[in-house]
Amino acid sequence: MKTDNDKTEITTAIKNGSIKLAQKESYNSLLSGNRKWVAEQLKGDPDYFKKLSQGQSPEVLWIGCSDSRVPANQVTGTKPGEVFVHRNIANVCVHSDMNMLSVLDYAVNVLKVKHVIVAGHYGCGGVAAALTHKQFGLIDNWLRHIKDVYRLHAHELDRITDKDAKINRLVELNVIEQAYNLCKTTIIQNAWKEREDLQVHGWVVDINTGLVRDLKVTNNDSQNLGYVYELNPEAVAAHA
């Protein structure tokens, strides 16, 4: 006769077995999905991967949110090799992030991209979290950058009473400020001194429609940055 403990152990074993099976199926679906994708590409072009392996020459650097619902290639209708991508929580661009700066430097100075796009999205969880007083852990230090954006625009945001509308407006303002941050980097400013075909843009993706909203903050020079942010490499050399 089975005791209550025996029944509990059996139930636990069945549950654990189901979880492991589900995990295995989920993982295997990724591998089978890869094989299906490869087959589809080869069906359309037998030399597809041979061509792809020869190098990349994207004209776009996409700095977007890590949210799985806003993949750069699908949103823009582009193919592998056409968009260089960097993603993080809430598409933040700060001067202390060496990961982002390394991607930016490579994209601008090696790949010679023509467009750098900061792409946020409505309903962003990171932005929503930054509007609360909750502690989430290590990410609180990252979300502070978004809180700083709120501080800059509190006079506008504090007048918005609808929660979703406030989040979405902060999404837009965050994109604008992050695009501005990119323009302040030595990477972008020095590139502007050498060529005229580099632009920085700010976009927001509406995940309810899939459509992109261009925030019309495109910049291709340092004239609008403010005096203190304009960098002159010759002046630095003169004081060395």
C-alpha atoms as a PDB file:
ATOM      1  CA  MET A   1       0.000   0.000   0.000  1.00  0.00           C
ATOM      2  CA  LYS A   2       1.392   3.369  -1.037  1.00  0.00           C
ATOM      3  CA  THR A   3       1.749   6.004   1.666  1.00  0.00           C
ATOM      4  CA  ASP A   4       1.164   9.724   1.188  1.00  0.00           C
ATOM      5  CA  ASN A   5       4.928  10.210   0.944  1.00  0.00           C
ATOM      6  CA  ASP A   6       5.119   7.586  -1.804  1.00  0.00           C
ATOM      7  CA  LYS A   7       2.359   9.344  -3.735  1.00  0.00           C
ATOM      8  CA  THR A   8       4.123  12.696  -3.316  1.00  0.00           C
ATOM      9  CA  GLU A   9       7.391  11.238  -4.618  1.00  0.00           C
ATOM     10  CA  ILE A  10       5.634   9.696  -7.621  1.00  0.00           C
ATOM     11  CA  THR A  11       3.859  12.972  -8.393  1.00  0.00           C
ATOM     12  CA  THR A  12       7.132  14.879  -8.096  1.00  0.00           C
ATOM     13  CA  ALA A  13       8.930  12.377 -10.337  1.00  0.00           C
ATOM     14  CA  ILE A  14       6.211  12.653 -12.998  1.00  0.00           C
ATOM     15  CA  LYS A  15       6.288  16.446 -12.790  1.00  0.00           C
ATOM     16  CA  ASN A  16      10.087  16.584 -13.066  1.00  0.00           C
ATOM     17  CA  GLY A  17      10.004  14.127 -15.928  1.00  0.00           C
ATOM     18  CA  SER A  18       7.458  16.272 -17.764  1.00  0.00           C
ATOM     19  CA  ILE A  19       9.567  19.381 -17.227  1.00  0.00           C
ATOM     20  CA  LYS A  20      12.713  17.689 -18.552  1.00  0.00           C
ATOM     21  CA  LEU A  21      10.813  16.360 -21.569  1.00  0.00           C
ATOM     22  CA  ALA A  22       9.401  19.815 -22.289  1.00  0.00           C
ATOM     23  CA  GLN A  23      12.863  21.355 -21.994  1.00  0.00           C
ATOM     24  CA  LYS A  24      14.334  18.773 -24.343  1.00  0.00           C
ATOM     25  CA  GLU A  25      11.561  19.319 -26.888  1.00  0.00           C
ATOM     26  CA  SER A  26      11.966  23.084 -26.661  1.00  0.00           C
ATOM     27  CA  TYR A  27      15.713  22.795 -27.217  1.00  0.00           C
ATOM     28  CA  ASN A  28      15.381  20.290 -30.061  1.00  0.00           C
ATOM     29  CA  SER A  29      12.880  22.574 -31.782  1.00  0.00           C
ATOM     30  CA  LEU A  30      15.644  25.179 -32.101  1.00  0.00           C
ATOM     31  CA  LEU A  31      17.918  22.704 -33.862  1.00  0.00           C
ATOM     32  CA  SER A  32      15.171  21.463 -36.163  1.00  0.00           C
ATOM     33  CA  GLY A  33      14.220  25.077 -36.854  1.00  0.00           C
ATOM     34  CA  ASN A  34      17.784  25.775 -37.895  1.00  0.00           C
ATOM     35  CA  ARG A  35      17.833  22.845 -40.318  1.00  0.00           C
ATOM     36  CA  LYS A  36      14.513  23.953 -41.786  1.00  0.00           C
ATOM     37  CA  TRP A  37      15.791  27.505 -42.248  1.00  0.00           C
ATOM     38  CA  VAL A  38      18.999  26.286 -43.926  1.00  0.00           C
ATOM     39  CA  ALA A  39      17.000  24.096 -46.280  1.00  0.00           C
ATOM     40  CA  GLU A  40      14.725  26.988 -47.223  1.00  0.00           C
ATOM     41  CA  GLN A  41      17.665  29.271 -47.981  1.00  0.00           C
ATOM     42  CA  LEU A  42      19.438  26.629 -50.063  1.00  0.00           C
ATOM     43  CA  LYS A  43      16.236  25.916 -51.960  1.00  0.00           C
ATOM     44  CA  GLY A  44      16.097  29.529 -53.070  1.00  0.00           C
ATOM     45  CA  ASP A  45      19.844  29.865 -53.647  1.00  0.00           C
ATOM     46  CA  PRO A  46      22.251  26.883 -53.471  1.00  0.00           C
ATOM     47  CA  ASP A  47      25.161  29.301 -52.937  1.00  0.00           C
ATOM     48  CA  TYR A  48      23.443  31.363 -50.239  1.00  0.00           C
ATOM     49  CA  PHE A  49      25.771  30.472 -47.377  1.00  0.00           C
ATOM     50  CA  LYS A  50      28.876  30.553 -49.569  1.00  0.00           C
ATOM     51  CA  LYS A  51      28.043  34.153 -50.415  1.00  0.00           C
ATOM     52  CA  LEU A  52      27.148  34.978 -46.812  1.00  0.00           C
ATOM     53  CA  SER A  53      30.455  33.598 -45.535  1.00  0.00           C
ATOM     54  CA  GLN A  54      32.469  35.927 -47.763  1.00  0.00           C
ATOM     55  CA  GLY A  55      31.869  38.916 -45.478  1.00  0.00           C
ATOM     56  CA  GLN A  56      29.406  41.583 -44.456  1.00  0.00           C
ATOM     57  CA  SER A  57      28.820  45.123 -45.664  1.00  0.00           C
ATOM     58  CA  PRO A  58      25.788  46.419 -43.751  1.00  0.00           C
ATOM     59  CA  GLU A  59      24.773  50.037 -44.109  1.00  0.00           C
ATOM     60  CA  VAL A  60      22.869  50.051 -40.820  1.00  0.00           C
ATOM     61  CA  LEU A  61      23.753  49.705 -37.148  1.00  0.00           C
ATOM     62  CA  TRP A  62      20.652  48.889 -35.089  1.00  0.00           C
ATOM     63  CA  ILE A  63      20.873  49.605 -31.363  1.00  0.00           C
ATOM     64  CA  GLY A  64      17.681  48.161 -29.988  1.00  0.00           C
ATOM     65  CA  CYS A  65      16.019  46.650 -26.957  1.00  0.00           C
ATOM     66  CA  SER A  66      16.673  43.028 -26.009  1.00  0.00           C
ATOM     67  CA  ASP A  67      12.930  42.344 -26.077  1.00  0.00           C
ATOM     68  CA  SER A  68      12.340  39.237 -28.200  1.00  0.00           C
ATOM     69  CA  ARG A  69       9.411  40.866 -30.007  1.00  0.00           C
ATOM     70  CA  VAL A  70      11.495  43.431 -31.887  1.00  0.00           C
ATOM     71  CA  PRO A  71      14.125  41.610 -33.986  1.00  0.00           C
ATOM     72  CA  ALA A  72      15.969  44.047 -36.251  1.00  0.00           C
ATOM     73  CA  ASN A  73      15.911  42.065 -39.502  1.00  0.00           C
ATOM     74  CA  GLN A  74      12.251  41.123 -39.339  1.00  0.00           C
ATOM     75  CA  VAL A  75      11.147  44.632 -38.371  1.00  0.00           C
ATOM     76  CA  THR A  76      13.055  46.213 -41.260  1.00  0.00           C
ATOM     77  CA  GLY A  77      12.470  43.444 -43.797  1.00  0.00           C
ATOM     78  CA  THR A  78      16.207  42.944 -44.272  1.00  0.00           C
ATOM     79  CA  LYS A  79      18.349  39.848 -44.747  1.00  0.00           C
ATOM     80  CA  PRO A  80      21.304  38.484 -42.764  1.00  0.00           C
ATOM     81  CA  GLY A  81      24.346  40.623 -43.532  1.00  0.00           C
ATOM     82  CA  GLU A  82      22.371  43.834 -44.033  1.00  0.00           C
ATOM     83  CA  VAL A  83      22.034  45.062 -40.423  1.00  0.00           C
ATOM     84  CA  PHE A  84      24.716  45.137 -37.722  1.00  0.00           C
ATOM     85  CA  VAL A  85      22.999  44.730 -34.359  1.00  0.00           C
ATOM     86  CA  HIS A  86      23.547  45.634 -30.732  1.00  0.00           C
ATOM     87  CA  ARG A  87      20.786  45.109 -28.177  1.00  0.00           C
ATOM     88  CA  ASN A  88      20.401  45.718 -24.464  1.00  0.00           C
ATOM     89  CA  ILE A  89      17.655  46.369 -21.926  1.00  0.00           C
ATOM     90  CA  ALA A  90      15.704  49.450 -23.107  1.00  0.00           C
ATOM     91  CA  ASN A  91      18.188  50.378 -25.886  1.00  0.00           C
ATOM     92  CA  VAL A  92      20.386  52.454 -23.587  1.00  0.00           C
ATOM     93  CA  CYS A  93      23.471  54.209 -24.998  1.00  0.00           C
ATOM     94  CA  VAL A  94      25.824  55.537 -22.337  1.00  0.00           C
ATOM     95  CA  HIS A  95      29.458  56.607 -22.504  1.00  0.00           C
ATOM     96  CA  SER A  96      30.517  54.044 -19.870  1.00  0.00           C
ATOM     97  CA  ASP A  97      29.238  50.994 -21.784  1.00  0.00           C
ATOM     98  CA  MET A  98      32.343  49.579 -23.474  1.00  0.00           C
ATOM     99  CA  ASN A  99      30.300  46.843 -25.144  1.00  0.00           C
ATOM    100  CA  MET A 100      28.086  49.349 -26.951  1.00  0.00           C
ATOM    101  CA  LEU A 101      31.017  51.649 -27.750  1.00  0.00           C
ATOM    102  CA  SER A 102      33.004  48.762 -29.215  1.00  0.00           C
ATOM    103  CA  VAL A 103      30.091  47.815 -31.462  1.00  0.00           C
ATOM    104  CA  LEU A 104      29.624  51.456 -32.452  1.00  0.00           C
ATOM    105  CA  ASP A 105      33.309  51.922 -33.229  1.00  0.00           C
ATOM    106  CA  TYR A 106      33.480  48.789 -35.365  1.00  0.00           C
ATOM    107  CA  ALA A 107      30.278  49.628 -37.216  1.00  0.00           C
ATOM    108  CA  VAL A 108      31.253  53.232 -37.920  1.00  0.00           C
ATOM    109  CA  ASN A 109      34.986  52.945 -38.544  1.00  0.00           C
ATOM    110  CA  VAL A 110      35.375  49.466 -40.012  1.00  0.00           C
ATOM    111  CA  LEU A 111      32.056  48.604 -41.610  1.00  0.00           C
ATOM    112  CA  LYS A 112      31.410  52.255 -42.519  1.00  0.00           C
ATOM    113  CA  VAL A 113      27.682  52.072 -41.844  1.00  0.00           C
ATOM    114  CA  LYS A 114      25.634  55.019 -43.074  1.00  0.00           C
ATOM    115  CA  HIS A 115      22.818  54.837 -40.540  1.00  0.00           C
ATOM    116  CA  VAL A 116      22.893  54.317 -36.781  1.00  0.00           C
ATOM    117  CA  ILE A 117      19.382  53.688 -35.470  1.00  0.00           C
ATOM    118  CA  VAL A 118      18.348  53.716 -31.830  1.00  0.00           C
ATOM    119  CA  ALA A 119      15.176  51.622 -31.820  1.00  0.00           C
ATOM    120  CA  GLY A 120      12.884  51.501 -28.821  1.00  0.00           C
ATOM    121  CA  HIS A 121       9.406  50.021 -28.678  1.00  0.00           C
ATOM    122  CA  TYR A 122       6.116  50.910 -27.048  1.00  0.00           C
ATOM    123  CA  GLY A 123       5.271  48.906 -23.953  1.00  0.00           C
ATOM    124  CA  CYS A 124       8.954  48.454 -23.081  1.00  0.00           C
ATOM    125  CA  GLY A 125       9.298  46.529 -19.822  1.00  0.00           C
ATOM    126  CA  GLY A 126      12.580  48.207 -18.935  1.00  0.00           C
ATOM    127  CA  VAL A 127      11.081  51.668 -19.286  1.00  0.00           C
ATOM    128  CA  ALA A 128       8.009  50.614 -17.301  1.00  0.00           C
ATOM    129  CA  ALA A 129      10.231  49.253 -14.526  1.00  0.00           C
ATOM    130  CA  ALA A 130      12.172  52.525 -14.395  1.00  0.00           C
ATOM    131  CA  LEU A 131       8.937  54.354 -13.607  1.00  0.00           C
ATOM    132  CA  THR A 132       8.444  52.384 -10.398  1.00  0.00           C
ATOM    133  CA  HIS A 133      10.103  52.473  -6.973  1.00  0.00           C
ATOM    134  CA  LYS A 134      10.622  48.715  -6.920  1.00  0.00           C
ATOM    135  CA  GLN A 135      14.010  47.054  -6.601  1.00  0.00           C
ATOM    136  CA  PHE A 136      14.659  44.393  -9.223  1.00  0.00           C
ATOM    137  CA  GLY A 137      18.301  43.585  -8.457  1.00  0.00           C
ATOM    138  CA  LEU A 138      21.418  44.334 -10.459  1.00  0.00           C
ATOM    139  CA  ILE A 139      19.349  45.798 -13.286  1.00  0.00           C
ATOM    140  CA  ASP A 140      18.364  48.721 -11.032  1.00  0.00           C
ATOM    141  CA  ASN A 141      21.765  50.249 -11.769  1.00  0.00           C
ATOM    142  CA  TRP A 142      21.067  50.022 -15.499  1.00  0.00           C
ATOM    143  CA  LEU A 143      17.536  51.365 -15.217  1.00  0.00           C
ATOM    144  CA  ARG A 144      18.904  54.414 -13.460  1.00  0.00           C
ATOM    145  CA  HIS A 145      19.904  55.761 -16.870  1.00  0.00           C
ATOM    146  CA  ILE A 146      16.227  55.745 -17.840  1.00  0.00           C
ATOM    147  CA  LYS A 147      15.302  57.372 -14.548  1.00  0.00           C
ATOM    148  CA  ASP A 148      17.754  60.122 -15.497  1.00  0.00           C
ATOM    149  CA  VAL A 149      15.799  60.621 -18.713  1.00  0.00           C
ATOM    150  CA  TYR A 150      12.651  60.926 -16.625  1.00  0.00           C
ATOM    151  CA  ARG A 151      14.319  63.565 -14.450  1.00  0.00           C
ATOM    152  CA  LEU A 152      15.179  65.619 -17.540  1.00  0.00           C
ATOM    153  CA  HIS A 153      11.580  65.537 -18.753  1.00  0.00           C
ATOM    154  CA  ALA A 154       9.663  65.331 -15.472  1.00  0.00           C
ATOM    155  CA  HIS A 155       7.847  68.602 -16.223  1.00  0.00           C
ATOM    156  CA  GLU A 156       6.134  66.891 -19.159  1.00  0.00           C
ATOM    157  CA  LEU A 157       5.812  63.338 -17.859  1.00  0.00           C
ATOM    158  CA  ASP A 158       4.340  64.314 -14.504  1.00  0.00           C
ATOM    159  CA  ARG A 159       1.355  65.811 -16.324  1.00  0.00           C
ATOM    160  CA  ILE A 160       0.480  62.501 -17.968  1.00  0.00           C
ATOM    161  CA  THR A 161      -2.004  60.620 -15.792  1.00  0.00           C
ATOM    162  CA  ASP A 162      -2.581  57.545 -17.960  1.00  0.00           C
ATOM    163  CA  LYS A 163      -0.029  54.882 -17.020  1.00  0.00           C
ATOM    164  CA  ASP A 164       0.416  53.384 -20.510  1.00  0.00           C
ATOM    165  CA  ALA A 165       0.606  56.811 -22.131  1.00  0.00           C
ATOM    166  CA  LYS A 166       3.302  57.852 -19.662  1.00  0.00           C
ATOM    167  CA  ILE A 167       5.335  54.710 -20.343  1.00  0.00           C
ATOM    168  CA  ASN A 168       5.091  55.186 -24.097  1.00  0.00           C
ATOM    169  CA  ARG A 169       6.056  58.846 -23.914  1.00  0.00           C
ATOM    170  CA  LEU A 170       9.084  57.933 -21.800  1.00  0.00           C
ATOM    171  CA  VAL A 171       9.914  55.294 -24.430  1.00  0.00           C
ATOM    172  CA  GLU A 172      10.032  58.087 -27.024  1.00  0.00           C
ATOM    173  CA  LEU A 173      12.027  60.453 -24.837  1.00  0.00           C
ATOM    174  CA  ASN A 174      14.448  57.669 -23.942  1.00  0.00           C
ATOM    175  CA  VAL A 175      15.114  56.973 -27.624  1.00  0.00           C
ATOM    176  CA  ILE A 176      15.684  60.667 -28.273  1.00  0.00           C
ATOM    177  CA  GLU A 177      18.135  61.004 -25.379  1.00  0.00           C
ATOM    178  CA  GLN A 178      20.024  57.817 -26.313  1.00  0.00           C
ATOM    179  CA  ALA A 179      20.365  59.005 -29.919  1.00  0.00           C
ATOM    180  CA  TYR A 180      21.669  62.283 -28.518  1.00  0.00           C
ATOM    181  CA  ASN A 181      24.143  60.356 -26.367  1.00  0.00           C
ATOM    182  CA  LEU A 182      25.495  58.630 -29.459  1.00  0.00           C
ATOM    183  CA  CYS A 183      26.051  61.963 -31.161  1.00  0.00           C
ATOM    184  CA  LYS A 184      28.132  63.098 -28.183  1.00  0.00           C
ATOM    185  CA  THR A 185      30.640  60.234 -28.532  1.00  0.00           C
ATOM    186  CA  THR A 186      34.082  60.798 -30.031  1.00  0.00           C
ATOM    187  CA  ILE A 187      33.321  57.908 -32.388  1.00  0.00           C
ATOM    188  CA  ILE A 188      30.431  59.668 -34.087  1.00  0.00           C
ATOM    189  CA  GLN A 189      31.902  63.162 -33.948  1.00  0.00           C
ATOM    190  CA  ASN A 190      35.227  62.145 -35.448  1.00  0.00           C
ATOM    191  CA  ALA A 191      33.447  60.195 -38.186  1.00  0.00           C
ATOM    192  CA  TRP A 192      31.424  63.299 -39.061  1.00  0.00           C
ATOM    193  CA  LYS A 193      34.652  65.206 -39.581  1.00  0.00           C
ATOM    194  CA  GLU A 194      35.771  62.632 -42.150  1.00  0.00           C
ATOM    195  CA  ARG A 195      32.556  61.896 -44.060  1.00  0.00           C
ATOM    196  CA  GLU A 196      29.086  63.248 -44.670  1.00  0.00           C
ATOM    197  CA  ASP A 197      27.195  59.996 -45.191  1.00  0.00           C
ATOM    198  CA  LEU A 198      26.649  59.051 -41.530  1.00  0.00           C
ATOM    199  CA  GLN A 199      23.327  59.729 -39.836  1.00  0.00           C
ATOM    200  CA  VAL A 200      21.946  58.954 -36.369  1.00  0.00           C
ATOM    201  CA  HIS A 201      18.202  58.245 -36.134  1.00  0.00           C
ATOM    202  CA  GLY A 202      15.620  57.582 -33.421  1.00  0.00           C
ATOM    203  CA  TRP A 203      12.813  55.073 -33.987  1.00  0.00           C
ATOM    204  CA  VAL A 204      10.035  53.517 -31.948  1.00  0.00           C
ATOM    205  CA  VAL A 205       8.454  50.221 -32.977  1.00  0.00           C
ATOM    206  CA  ASP A 206       4.749  49.818 -32.258  1.00  0.00           C
ATOM    207  CA  ILE A 207       4.462  46.113 -31.443  1.00  0.00           C
ATOM    208  CA  ASN A 208       0.674  46.360 -31.759  1.00  0.00           C
ATOM    209  CA  THR A 209       1.001  47.084 -35.480  1.00  0.00           C
ATOM    210  CA  GLY A 210       4.595  46.215 -36.322  1.00  0.00           C
ATOM    211  CA  LEU A 211       5.070  49.673 -37.793  1.00  0.00           C
ATOM    212  CA  VAL A 212       8.029  51.947 -37.100  1.00  0.00           C
ATOM    213  CA  ARG A 213       7.592  55.536 -35.965  1.00  0.00           C
ATOM    214  CA  ASP A 214      10.430  57.809 -37.034  1.00  0.00           C
ATOM    215  CA  LEU A 215      10.836  60.379 -34.256  1.00  0.00           C
ATOM    216  CA  LYS A 216      12.380  62.858 -36.696  1.00  0.00           C
ATOM    217  CA  VAL A 217      15.541  63.453 -34.674  1.00  0.00           C
ATOM    218  CA  THR A 218      17.980  62.515 -37.441  1.00  0.00           C
ATOM    219  CA  ASN A 219      21.368  64.164 -37.034  1.00  0.00           C
ATOM    220  CA  ASN A 220      24.444  64.206 -39.256  1.00  0.00           C
ATOM    221  CA  ASP A 221      26.693  66.794 -37.591  1.00  0.00           C
ATOM    222  CA  SER A 222      27.650  68.124 -34.160  1.00  0.00           C
ATOM    223  CA  GLN A 223      26.259  71.630 -34.548  1.00  0.00           C
ATOM    224  CA  ASN A 224      23.162  70.969 -32.443  1.00  0.00           C
ATOM    225  CA  LEU A 225      24.887  69.229 -29.546  1.00  0.00           C
ATOM    226  CA  GLY A 226      25.629  72.271 -27.456  1.00  0.00           C
ATOM    227  CA  TYR A 227      28.986  73.970 -27.005  1.00  0.00           C
ATOM    228  CA  VAL A 228      30.242  71.795 -24.162  1.00  0.00           C
ATOM    229  CA  TYR A 229      29.768  68.561 -26.141  1.00  0.00           C
ATOM    230  CA  GLU A 230      31.498  69.637 -29.345  1.00  0.00           C
ATOM    231  CA  LEU A 231      34.914  68.031 -29.507  1.00  0.00           C
ATOM    232  CA  ASN A 232      37.894  69.442 -31.389  1.00  0.00           C
ATOM    233  CA  PRO A 233      40.796  66.984 -31.713  1.00  0.00           C
ATOM    234  CA  GLU A 234      43.133  69.818 -32.753  1.00  0.00           C
ATOM    235  CA  ALA A 235      42.409  71.656 -29.511  1.00  0.00           C
ATOM    236  CA  VAL A 236      43.284  68.536 -27.535  1.00  0.00           C
ATOM    237  CA  ALA A 237      46.603  68.212 -29.368  1.00  0.00           C
ATOM    238  CA  ALA A 238      47.390  71.871 -28.700  1.00  0.00           C
ATOM    239  CA  HIS A 239      47.062  71.398 -24.934  1.00  0.00           C
ATOM    240  CA  ALA A 240      48.920  68.083 -24.797  1.00  0.00           C
END
